[in-house]
Protein backbone atom coordinates (compact mmCIF):
# COMPACT_ATOMS: atom_id res chain seq x y z
CA MET A 1 88.53 251.68 124.21
CA THR A 2 89.33 248.98 126.61
CA THR A 3 90.84 245.67 125.78
CA ALA A 4 87.75 243.86 126.96
CA ALA A 5 85.67 245.62 124.35
CA LEU A 6 88.10 244.67 121.58
CA ALA A 7 88.17 240.99 122.46
CA ALA A 8 85.69 238.78 120.65
CA PRO A 9 82.79 237.72 122.79
CA ARG A 10 83.02 234.14 124.01
CA THR A 11 80.11 232.00 123.02
CA ARG A 12 79.22 228.80 124.71
CA LEU A 13 78.70 225.70 122.56
CA ARG A 14 75.08 224.72 122.64
CA LEU A 15 73.86 221.41 121.22
CA THR A 16 70.29 220.80 120.32
CA VAL A 17 68.61 217.46 120.82
CA ARG A 18 69.25 216.64 117.17
CA GLY A 19 72.91 217.59 117.53
CA ARG A 20 73.30 215.34 120.57
CA ARG A 21 71.77 212.42 118.65
CA VAL A 22 74.11 212.96 115.70
CA LEU A 23 77.13 213.18 118.02
CA ALA A 24 76.10 210.02 119.87
CA GLY A 25 75.56 208.20 116.57
CA LEU A 26 78.98 209.22 115.30
CA ALA A 27 80.59 208.08 118.54
CA ALA A 28 78.80 204.71 118.43
CA LEU A 29 79.52 204.04 114.74
CA PRO A 30 82.96 202.41 115.25
CA VAL A 31 81.58 200.15 117.98
CA VAL A 32 78.66 199.02 115.83
CA ALA A 33 80.93 198.45 112.84
CA GLY A 34 83.33 196.38 114.96
CA LEU A 35 80.53 194.24 116.34
CA ALA A 36 79.13 193.67 112.86
CA ILE A 37 82.51 192.57 111.51
CA ALA A 38 83.04 190.28 114.50
CA ALA A 39 79.61 188.70 114.06
CA ILE A 40 80.14 188.12 110.35
CA ALA A 41 83.66 186.75 110.78
CA GLY A 42 82.73 184.60 113.77
CA GLY A 43 79.59 183.19 112.18
CA GLY A 44 81.39 182.22 109.00
CA ALA A 45 84.15 180.51 110.92
CA ALA A 46 81.67 178.55 113.02
CA MET A 47 79.73 177.42 109.99
CA GLY A 48 82.78 176.66 107.90
CA SER A 49 84.57 174.31 110.30
CA ASP A 50 82.38 171.28 110.78
CA GLU A 51 84.83 168.78 112.19
CA SER A 52 82.10 166.68 113.79
CA ALA A 53 81.28 164.94 110.50
CA PRO A 54 84.31 163.36 108.88
CA ALA A 55 84.11 162.23 105.25
CA ASP A 56 83.52 158.58 106.18
CA ALA A 57 80.79 159.29 108.76
CA PHE A 58 78.10 157.78 106.56
CA GLU A 59 77.36 154.98 104.13
CA THR A 60 75.29 155.24 100.97
CA VAL A 61 72.18 153.36 99.93
CA THR A 62 70.73 153.27 96.42
CA VAL A 63 67.01 154.01 96.24
CA LEU A 64 65.03 151.26 94.50
CA SER A 65 61.72 151.64 92.74
CA GLY A 66 58.95 151.92 95.31
CA ASP A 67 61.26 152.84 98.19
CA SER A 68 60.37 155.60 100.59
CA LEU A 69 62.32 157.22 103.38
CA TRP A 70 60.24 155.22 105.84
CA THR A 71 61.06 151.82 104.29
CA ILE A 72 64.74 152.73 103.99
CA ALA A 73 64.79 153.87 107.62
CA GLN A 74 63.21 150.60 108.74
CA SER A 75 65.70 148.53 106.74
CA VAL A 76 68.89 150.35 107.79
CA ALA A 77 68.02 150.82 111.47
CA PRO A 78 65.43 148.29 112.61
CA GLY A 79 66.20 148.92 116.28
CA HIS A 80 65.54 152.67 116.14
CA ASP A 81 62.42 154.80 115.84
CA PRO A 82 61.88 155.22 112.06
CA ARG A 83 60.81 158.85 112.55
CA ASP A 84 64.22 159.75 113.96
CA VAL A 85 66.02 157.85 111.21
CA VAL A 86 63.90 159.47 108.45
CA ASP A 87 64.64 162.90 109.93
CA ALA A 88 68.39 162.21 110.09
CA ILE A 89 68.50 160.89 106.50
CA ALA A 90 66.46 163.83 105.18
CA HIS A 91 68.67 166.32 107.03
CA LEU A 92 71.94 164.72 105.88
CA ASN A 93 70.82 164.53 102.24
CA GLN A 94 69.05 167.91 102.29
CA LEU A 95 65.71 166.47 101.21
CA PRO A 96 63.11 169.13 102.02
CA GLY A 97 60.10 167.28 100.61
CA GLY A 98 61.23 163.70 101.07
CA ALA A 99 60.68 162.82 97.40
CA LEU A 100 62.98 160.05 96.19
CA VAL A 101 63.93 158.93 92.68
CA ALA A 102 64.90 155.36 91.80
CA GLY A 103 68.67 155.12 91.44
CA GLN A 104 69.31 158.05 93.77
CA GLU A 105 72.17 157.64 96.25
CA LEU A 106 71.24 158.45 99.86
CA SER A 107 73.75 158.94 102.63
CA ILE A 108 72.93 157.13 105.84
CA PRO A 109 74.30 158.63 109.10
CA ALA A 110 77.00 156.50 110.74
CA GLU A 111 74.96 155.96 113.90
CA TYR A 112 72.36 154.06 111.86
CA ALA A 113 74.59 152.59 109.14
CA ALA A 114 76.62 150.48 111.59
CA GLU A 115 73.70 148.14 112.30
C-alpha cells in the first residue's frame, strides 16, 4: 500500500444556507449586545440628568374652588397665550386630564411665574 492510500481523505468544509445564517448571527451577537447596552446606558443617563430645571425654577399656586387651568393661566401670565401656559402647567405638574381639586398645589413654570 502506498502512503496516499493510508492517509485520511481530506474533506472540504461545506456550509449550507442555514449554517451561514447561524454563523453570521453568532458573529453579530457581540455587536448587537454592545449596541443594546450602549443605548440603555446612554438613554438612562440622558433622562436622569435634567440640569435645565433647577429646584427653584417654578413657583406654586394653590387651586381655589372653581378654578380651572385656563383661569389660572390667565391670572399668572396675562401677557401670554393661555393655551401655551395651560400646556406648560399641565406638563410640569403631570396633569393628563387637566382635572383640578381645590387646595391642590400647582407648580407654575418660571417663565410665567415672574410676571
